[in-house]
Amino acid sequence: MVTFDPRGGQQNLAFEFELARLSALVVDMEKIRQGTRPGRLTEDAPILDRWVVGHRQIPCLIGLSTGHPRLKGEDRPIVTSDLWLMSEDRGWARTLSRWYQLGRPAANASFDA
C-alpha cells in the first residue's frame, strides 16, 4: 500500500515508484493481448530455477460497507481486494477494484504506512 496526498500535492517517491511499476505491467499486458510473445518483450529476463508458486499476505481493508456497487446493503461486513493507495489523512483508499471513502477507523485499528 502506498500513501498519497489527497490535496493533489507532489507525491512521494514510493508513490512514483509504484506508479511506474504498475504502468509497465499494464503496457506488457496490452502487448500480450495484442499477440506479442513474452520473449519479445525482454531480452534480459533473469532465469528463475527450482521455482514454486508462493503465497504471501497482501494488505486489504476490512470493515462495514454501505453503497458498494456489488455488495448491497448497509453496514455489510466486507474484506476488500488488495489495498494499493491510502490518503495521508486516512480519508480515502484505493483497492485493486475501486475507491473507498473511509469513515471512522475501528477502535483497534493500526496503521503501518
N, C-alpha and C. Protein backbone atom coordinates (compact mmCIF):
# COMPACT_ATOMS: atom_id res chain seq x y z
N MET A 1 0.84 -1.16 0.00
CA MET A 1 0.00 0.00 0.00
C MET A 1 0.89 1.24 0.00
N VAL A 2 0.48 2.25 -0.74
CA VAL A 2 1.23 3.49 -0.86
C VAL A 2 0.35 4.64 -0.40
N THR A 3 0.91 5.56 0.36
CA THR A 3 0.14 6.74 0.75
C THR A 3 0.28 7.82 -0.31
N PHE A 4 -0.75 8.72 -0.37
CA PHE A 4 -0.71 9.82 -1.32
C PHE A 4 -1.30 11.06 -0.66
N ASP A 5 -1.00 12.22 -1.24
CA ASP A 5 -1.50 13.50 -0.75
C ASP A 5 -2.88 13.74 -1.35
N PRO A 6 -3.95 13.73 -0.55
CA PRO A 6 -5.30 13.88 -1.09
C PRO A 6 -5.58 15.27 -1.65
N ARG A 7 -4.73 16.24 -1.34
CA ARG A 7 -4.91 17.61 -1.85
C ARG A 7 -4.29 17.79 -3.23
N GLY A 8 -3.69 16.74 -3.76
CA GLY A 8 -3.12 16.81 -5.10
C GLY A 8 -1.72 17.38 -5.14
N GLY A 9 -1.07 17.40 -4.02
CA GLY A 9 0.30 17.90 -3.97
C GLY A 9 1.27 16.93 -4.61
N GLN A 10 2.54 17.26 -4.54
CA GLN A 10 3.58 16.39 -5.10
C GLN A 10 3.57 15.07 -4.34
N GLN A 11 3.59 13.98 -5.08
CA GLN A 11 3.52 12.65 -4.47
C GLN A 11 4.91 12.19 -4.04
N ASN A 12 4.94 11.27 -3.08
CA ASN A 12 6.21 10.79 -2.54
C ASN A 12 6.89 9.80 -3.49
N LEU A 13 8.13 9.47 -3.20
CA LEU A 13 8.92 8.59 -4.07
C LEU A 13 8.32 7.20 -4.18
N ALA A 14 7.77 6.67 -3.09
CA ALA A 14 7.16 5.34 -3.14
C ALA A 14 5.96 5.34 -4.09
N PHE A 15 5.16 6.41 -4.06
CA PHE A 15 4.02 6.54 -4.96
C PHE A 15 4.50 6.53 -6.41
N GLU A 16 5.50 7.34 -6.72
CA GLU A 16 6.01 7.44 -8.09
C GLU A 16 6.61 6.11 -8.55
N PHE A 17 7.30 5.40 -7.65
CA PHE A 17 7.88 4.11 -7.98
C PHE A 17 6.79 3.10 -8.33
N GLU A 18 5.76 3.01 -7.50
CA GLU A 18 4.68 2.05 -7.75
C GLU A 18 3.91 2.40 -9.01
N LEU A 19 3.70 3.69 -9.26
CA LEU A 19 3.01 4.11 -10.48
C LEU A 19 3.79 3.65 -11.72
N ALA A 20 5.09 3.85 -11.72
CA ALA A 20 5.91 3.42 -12.85
C ALA A 20 5.88 1.90 -13.01
N ARG A 21 5.95 1.20 -11.90
CA ARG A 21 5.96 -0.27 -11.95
C ARG A 21 4.64 -0.81 -12.48
N LEU A 22 3.53 -0.27 -11.99
CA LEU A 22 2.22 -0.74 -12.44
C LEU A 22 1.95 -0.33 -13.89
N SER A 23 2.41 0.85 -14.28
CA SER A 23 2.25 1.29 -15.67
C SER A 23 2.98 0.35 -16.61
N ALA A 24 4.17 -0.08 -16.24
CA ALA A 24 4.93 -1.02 -17.06
C ALA A 24 4.21 -2.37 -17.17
N LEU A 25 3.59 -2.81 -16.08
CA LEU A 25 2.82 -4.05 -16.10
C LEU A 25 1.65 -3.94 -17.08
N VAL A 26 0.93 -2.83 -17.03
CA VAL A 26 -0.20 -2.62 -17.93
C VAL A 26 0.27 -2.61 -19.38
N VAL A 27 1.38 -1.96 -19.67
CA VAL A 27 1.92 -1.94 -21.03
C VAL A 27 2.22 -3.37 -21.50
N ASP A 28 2.85 -4.17 -20.65
CA ASP A 28 3.16 -5.56 -21.02
C ASP A 28 1.89 -6.37 -21.23
N MET A 29 0.88 -6.16 -20.39
CA MET A 29 -0.39 -6.89 -20.55
C MET A 29 -1.06 -6.52 -21.87
N GLU A 30 -1.01 -5.27 -22.24
CA GLU A 30 -1.57 -4.83 -23.53
C GLU A 30 -0.84 -5.51 -24.68
N LYS A 31 0.47 -5.59 -24.60
CA LYS A 31 1.26 -6.23 -25.66
C LYS A 31 0.93 -7.72 -25.77
N ILE A 32 0.78 -8.39 -24.62
CA ILE A 32 0.41 -9.81 -24.62
C ILE A 32 -0.96 -9.98 -25.28
N ARG A 33 -1.90 -9.10 -24.92
CA ARG A 33 -3.24 -9.16 -25.51
C ARG A 33 -3.18 -8.98 -27.03
N GLN A 34 -2.24 -8.21 -27.50
CA GLN A 34 -2.10 -7.95 -28.94
C GLN A 34 -1.32 -9.05 -29.65
N GLY A 35 -0.87 -10.06 -28.90
CA GLY A 35 -0.22 -11.20 -29.52
C GLY A 35 1.29 -11.23 -29.42
N THR A 36 1.89 -10.27 -28.73
CA THR A 36 3.34 -10.29 -28.57
C THR A 36 3.73 -11.43 -27.64
N ARG A 37 4.74 -12.18 -28.03
CA ARG A 37 5.22 -13.28 -27.17
C ARG A 37 6.14 -12.74 -26.10
N PRO A 38 6.13 -13.36 -24.91
CA PRO A 38 6.94 -12.86 -23.80
C PRO A 38 8.41 -12.69 -24.13
N GLY A 39 8.99 -13.59 -24.89
CA GLY A 39 10.40 -13.49 -25.24
C GLY A 39 10.74 -12.24 -26.05
N ARG A 40 9.75 -11.66 -26.69
CA ARG A 40 9.97 -10.45 -27.47
C ARG A 40 9.84 -9.19 -26.62
N LEU A 41 9.33 -9.33 -25.41
CA LEU A 41 9.16 -8.17 -24.53
C LEU A 41 10.44 -7.80 -23.81
N THR A 42 11.30 -8.79 -23.58
CA THR A 42 12.56 -8.52 -22.89
C THR A 42 13.60 -9.53 -23.33
N GLU A 43 14.82 -9.07 -23.46
CA GLU A 43 15.91 -9.96 -23.82
C GLU A 43 16.81 -10.25 -22.63
N ASP A 44 16.57 -9.55 -21.53
CA ASP A 44 17.45 -9.71 -20.37
C ASP A 44 16.70 -10.22 -19.14
N ALA A 45 15.65 -11.00 -19.35
CA ALA A 45 14.91 -11.54 -18.22
C ALA A 45 15.78 -12.55 -17.46
N PRO A 46 15.83 -12.45 -16.14
CA PRO A 46 16.59 -13.43 -15.37
C PRO A 46 15.91 -14.79 -15.41
N ILE A 47 16.67 -15.83 -15.16
CA ILE A 47 16.14 -17.18 -15.08
C ILE A 47 15.82 -17.47 -13.62
N LEU A 48 14.65 -18.03 -13.39
CA LEU A 48 14.25 -18.45 -12.04
C LEU A 48 14.14 -19.96 -12.06
N ASP A 49 15.07 -20.63 -11.39
CA ASP A 49 15.16 -22.08 -11.40
C ASP A 49 14.61 -22.64 -10.09
N ARG A 50 14.12 -23.88 -10.15
CA ARG A 50 13.58 -24.57 -8.98
C ARG A 50 12.50 -23.74 -8.28
N TRP A 51 11.61 -23.17 -9.07
CA TRP A 51 10.61 -22.25 -8.56
C TRP A 51 9.34 -22.96 -8.14
N VAL A 52 8.60 -22.34 -7.29
CA VAL A 52 7.25 -22.76 -6.89
C VAL A 52 6.39 -21.51 -6.83
N VAL A 53 5.09 -21.69 -6.90
CA VAL A 53 4.17 -20.58 -6.71
C VAL A 53 3.97 -20.43 -5.20
N GLY A 54 4.27 -19.25 -4.69
CA GLY A 54 4.14 -19.00 -3.26
C GLY A 54 2.93 -18.12 -2.97
N HIS A 55 2.66 -17.93 -1.72
CA HIS A 55 1.58 -17.07 -1.27
C HIS A 55 2.11 -16.18 -0.15
N ARG A 56 1.66 -14.93 -0.15
CA ARG A 56 2.04 -14.03 0.92
C ARG A 56 0.86 -13.14 1.27
N GLN A 57 0.92 -12.55 2.42
CA GLN A 57 -0.17 -11.69 2.85
C GLN A 57 -0.12 -10.37 2.09
N ILE A 58 -1.27 -9.89 1.70
CA ILE A 58 -1.42 -8.63 0.98
C ILE A 58 -2.32 -7.72 1.82
N PRO A 59 -1.96 -6.45 1.99
CA PRO A 59 -2.84 -5.55 2.74
C PRO A 59 -4.20 -5.40 2.07
N CYS A 60 -5.23 -5.31 2.89
CA CYS A 60 -6.59 -5.09 2.42
C CYS A 60 -7.32 -4.29 3.50
N LEU A 61 -8.54 -3.95 3.25
CA LEU A 61 -9.37 -3.29 4.26
C LEU A 61 -10.48 -4.24 4.68
N ILE A 62 -10.84 -4.17 5.94
CA ILE A 62 -11.94 -4.95 6.48
C ILE A 62 -12.84 -3.95 7.19
N GLY A 63 -14.11 -3.98 6.90
CA GLY A 63 -15.00 -3.03 7.56
C GLY A 63 -16.43 -3.22 7.15
N LEU A 64 -17.25 -2.22 7.47
CA LEU A 64 -18.67 -2.26 7.18
C LEU A 64 -18.95 -1.35 5.99
N SER A 65 -19.44 -1.92 4.91
CA SER A 65 -19.64 -1.20 3.65
C SER A 65 -21.09 -0.77 3.48
N THR A 66 -21.26 0.45 3.00
CA THR A 66 -22.57 0.97 2.61
C THR A 66 -22.41 1.61 1.24
N GLY A 67 -23.27 1.24 0.29
CA GLY A 67 -23.22 1.82 -1.04
C GLY A 67 -22.28 1.13 -2.01
N HIS A 68 -21.83 -0.06 -1.68
CA HIS A 68 -20.95 -0.82 -2.58
C HIS A 68 -21.76 -1.23 -3.81
N PRO A 69 -21.17 -1.11 -5.02
CA PRO A 69 -21.93 -1.43 -6.22
C PRO A 69 -22.29 -2.91 -6.39
N ARG A 70 -21.51 -3.79 -5.80
CA ARG A 70 -21.78 -5.23 -5.95
C ARG A 70 -22.25 -5.89 -4.67
N LEU A 71 -21.83 -5.37 -3.53
CA LEU A 71 -22.17 -5.97 -2.24
C LEU A 71 -23.20 -5.07 -1.57
N LYS A 72 -24.45 -5.30 -1.89
CA LYS A 72 -25.55 -4.42 -1.49
C LYS A 72 -25.80 -4.48 0.01
N GLY A 73 -26.37 -3.40 0.53
CA GLY A 73 -26.77 -3.34 1.92
C GLY A 73 -26.05 -2.24 2.67
N GLU A 74 -26.52 -1.99 3.88
CA GLU A 74 -25.89 -1.01 4.77
C GLU A 74 -25.11 -1.74 5.85
N ASP A 75 -23.94 -1.19 6.17
CA ASP A 75 -23.08 -1.77 7.21
C ASP A 75 -22.83 -3.25 6.98
N ARG A 76 -22.62 -3.61 5.71
CA ARG A 76 -22.35 -5.00 5.36
C ARG A 76 -20.88 -5.30 5.60
N PRO A 77 -20.56 -6.34 6.38
CA PRO A 77 -19.15 -6.70 6.61
C PRO A 77 -18.51 -7.17 5.30
N ILE A 78 -17.35 -6.59 4.97
CA ILE A 78 -16.63 -6.99 3.76
C ILE A 78 -15.13 -7.04 4.02
N VAL A 79 -14.44 -7.73 3.14
CA VAL A 79 -12.99 -7.71 3.03
C VAL A 79 -12.72 -7.26 1.60
N THR A 80 -11.92 -6.20 1.43
CA THR A 80 -11.68 -5.66 0.10
C THR A 80 -10.63 -6.46 -0.65
N SER A 81 -10.48 -6.13 -1.91
CA SER A 81 -9.36 -6.64 -2.69
C SER A 81 -8.07 -5.95 -2.20
N ASP A 82 -6.96 -6.25 -2.82
CA ASP A 82 -5.65 -5.72 -2.41
C ASP A 82 -5.68 -4.21 -2.25
N LEU A 83 -5.16 -3.72 -1.14
CA LEU A 83 -5.08 -2.29 -0.87
C LEU A 83 -3.84 -1.72 -1.54
N TRP A 84 -4.02 -0.70 -2.42
CA TRP A 84 -2.90 -0.11 -3.15
C TRP A 84 -2.57 1.29 -2.70
N LEU A 85 -3.58 2.11 -2.43
CA LEU A 85 -3.35 3.51 -2.06
C LEU A 85 -4.17 3.89 -0.84
N MET A 86 -3.60 4.78 0.00
CA MET A 86 -4.37 5.37 1.09
C MET A 86 -3.91 6.81 1.25
N SER A 87 -4.88 7.72 1.37
CA SER A 87 -4.51 9.12 1.55
C SER A 87 -3.85 9.31 2.90
N GLU A 88 -2.93 10.26 2.96
CA GLU A 88 -2.20 10.50 4.20
C GLU A 88 -3.13 10.89 5.34
N ASP A 89 -4.27 11.51 5.01
CA ASP A 89 -5.23 11.89 6.05
C ASP A 89 -6.20 10.76 6.41
N ARG A 90 -6.00 9.59 5.79
CA ARG A 90 -6.82 8.39 6.04
C ARG A 90 -8.29 8.61 5.66
N GLY A 91 -8.56 9.48 4.67
CA GLY A 91 -9.92 9.74 4.23
C GLY A 91 -10.33 8.94 3.01
N TRP A 92 -9.35 8.46 2.24
CA TRP A 92 -9.62 7.72 1.00
C TRP A 92 -8.67 6.54 0.87
N ALA A 93 -9.16 5.48 0.20
CA ALA A 93 -8.32 4.32 -0.08
C ALA A 93 -8.69 3.79 -1.46
N ARG A 94 -7.69 3.27 -2.18
CA ARG A 94 -7.92 2.65 -3.49
C ARG A 94 -7.45 1.22 -3.41
N THR A 95 -8.38 0.30 -3.61
CA THR A 95 -8.02 -1.10 -3.69
C THR A 95 -7.84 -1.46 -5.16
N LEU A 96 -7.49 -2.68 -5.43
CA LEU A 96 -7.35 -3.12 -6.81
C LEU A 96 -8.65 -2.92 -7.57
N SER A 97 -9.78 -3.03 -6.89
CA SER A 97 -11.08 -2.95 -7.55
C SER A 97 -11.68 -1.57 -7.64
N ARG A 98 -11.53 -0.75 -6.57
CA ARG A 98 -12.26 0.52 -6.55
C ARG A 98 -11.77 1.44 -5.45
N TRP A 99 -12.29 2.68 -5.46
CA TRP A 99 -12.06 3.65 -4.40
C TRP A 99 -13.02 3.41 -3.25
N TYR A 100 -12.59 3.74 -2.05
CA TYR A 100 -13.44 3.76 -0.86
C TYR A 100 -13.24 5.08 -0.15
N GLN A 101 -14.34 5.69 0.26
CA GLN A 101 -14.26 6.85 1.16
C GLN A 101 -14.28 6.26 2.55
N LEU A 102 -13.27 6.59 3.35
CA LEU A 102 -13.12 5.97 4.65
C LEU A 102 -13.84 6.76 5.73
N GLY A 103 -14.63 6.07 6.50
CA GLY A 103 -15.29 6.67 7.66
C GLY A 103 -14.40 6.52 8.88
N ARG A 104 -15.01 6.23 10.00
CA ARG A 104 -14.27 6.08 11.26
C ARG A 104 -13.46 4.78 11.26
N PRO A 105 -12.22 4.82 11.73
CA PRO A 105 -11.46 3.58 11.87
C PRO A 105 -12.01 2.77 13.05
N ALA A 106 -11.78 1.47 13.02
CA ALA A 106 -12.17 0.61 14.14
C ALA A 106 -11.38 1.01 15.38
N ALA A 107 -11.90 0.69 16.52
CA ALA A 107 -11.27 1.07 17.78
C ALA A 107 -9.85 0.53 17.91
N ASN A 108 -9.58 -0.64 17.35
CA ASN A 108 -8.26 -1.26 17.49
C ASN A 108 -7.46 -1.18 16.17
N ALA A 109 -7.75 -0.21 15.30
CA ALA A 109 -7.06 -0.10 14.01
C ALA A 109 -5.60 0.29 14.22
N SER A 110 -4.71 -0.26 13.38
CA SER A 110 -3.31 0.12 13.41
C SER A 110 -2.90 0.50 11.99
N PHE A 111 -2.01 1.48 11.88
CA PHE A 111 -1.56 1.95 10.57
C PHE A 111 -0.04 1.84 10.51
N ASP A 112 0.44 1.03 9.57
CA ASP A 112 1.88 0.79 9.45
C ASP A 112 2.53 1.70 8.42
N ALA A 113 1.78 2.26 7.50
CA ALA A 113 2.39 3.00 6.39
C ALA A 113 2.83 4.38 6.78
